[in-house]
Amino acid sequence: MDDLHVYEIRVEGHLSDRWSDWFAGLAIHHDLSDETILKGVLADQAALFGVLTKIQTLNLTLISVNRVLLP
């Protein structure tokens, strides 16, 4: 892996922190607008699509996906 990418994925509603392991170890945060933010490093796009598939499996509403390059 040449570049590490931090992904921030927002979904509607609040997920419990206990889902972190199931979502590839992404940290789970909640904001004031009733959204859950899944954030952390994913190895590649295959890992990202795996997380997105899990979001779909839980029938969660996906709000956004953002990638941030680490320096």
Protein backbone atom coordinates (compact mmCIF):
# COMPACT_ATOMS: atom_id res chain seq x y z
CA MET A 1 0.00 0.00 0.00
CA ASP A 2 1.66 3.19 -1.20
CA ASP A 3 -0.76 5.71 0.28
CA LEU A 4 -2.76 5.36 3.46
CA HIS A 5 -6.23 6.81 3.25
CA VAL A 6 -8.45 7.86 6.08
CA TYR A 7 -12.12 7.51 5.22
CA GLU A 8 -14.99 9.34 6.86
CA ILE A 9 -18.35 7.72 6.15
CA ARG A 10 -21.57 9.33 7.37
CA VAL A 11 -24.81 7.43 7.84
CA GLU A 12 -28.19 8.49 9.13
CA GLY A 13 -29.05 7.65 12.74
CA HIS A 14 -26.91 6.51 15.64
CA LEU A 15 -24.96 3.26 15.70
CA SER A 16 -23.63 1.82 18.93
CA ASP A 17 -19.86 1.73 19.43
CA ARG A 18 -20.13 -2.08 19.56
CA TRP A 19 -20.36 -2.10 15.75
CA SER A 20 -16.77 -0.83 15.39
CA ASP A 21 -15.18 -4.28 14.96
CA TRP A 22 -17.77 -5.28 12.37
CA PHE A 23 -16.98 -2.11 10.41
CA ALA A 24 -13.28 -2.97 9.95
CA GLY A 25 -12.28 -1.30 13.23
CA LEU A 26 -13.45 2.15 12.15
CA ALA A 27 -14.07 4.55 15.01
CA ILE A 28 -17.71 5.45 15.56
CA HIS A 29 -18.69 9.01 16.43
CA HIS A 30 -22.06 10.73 16.66
CA ASP A 31 -22.81 14.30 15.73
CA LEU A 32 -25.60 16.62 16.76
CA SER A 33 -27.61 16.11 13.57
CA ASP A 34 -28.50 12.46 14.32
CA GLU A 35 -25.73 11.08 12.12
CA THR A 36 -23.06 8.45 12.78
CA ILE A 37 -19.53 9.00 11.47
CA LEU A 38 -17.37 5.95 10.78
CA LYS A 39 -13.76 7.08 10.51
CA GLY A 40 -10.41 5.39 10.10
CA VAL A 41 -7.80 3.91 7.78
CA LEU A 42 -8.87 1.34 5.21
CA ALA A 43 -6.31 -0.67 3.24
CA ASP A 44 -7.80 -0.17 -0.20
CA GLN A 45 -11.00 0.32 -2.16
CA ALA A 46 -11.95 -3.32 -1.68
CA ALA A 47 -12.03 -2.69 2.09
CA LEU A 48 -14.06 0.46 1.50
CA PHE A 49 -16.60 -1.44 -0.60
CA GLY A 50 -16.77 -4.08 2.12
CA VAL A 51 -17.77 -1.43 4.66
CA LEU A 52 -20.29 0.06 2.21
CA THR A 53 -21.80 -3.39 1.66
CA LYS A 54 -22.23 -3.78 5.42
CA ILE A 55 -23.96 -0.40 5.55
CA GLN A 56 -26.33 -1.60 2.83
CA THR A 57 -26.89 -4.93 4.62
CA LEU A 58 -28.02 -3.04 7.73
CA ASN A 59 -30.30 -0.91 5.54
CA LEU A 60 -28.62 2.28 6.76
CA THR A 61 -28.97 5.50 4.81
CA LEU A 62 -25.59 6.54 3.43
CA ILE A 63 -25.05 10.29 3.58
CA SER A 64 -21.47 10.74 2.39
CA VAL A 65 -18.05 9.14 1.89
CA ASN A 66 -14.92 11.28 2.09
CA ARG A 67 -11.27 10.29 1.71
CA VAL A 68 -8.39 12.21 3.25
CA LEU A 69 -4.78 11.60 2.24
CA LEU A 70 -2.36 11.37 5.12
CA PRO A 71 0.80 13.47 4.82
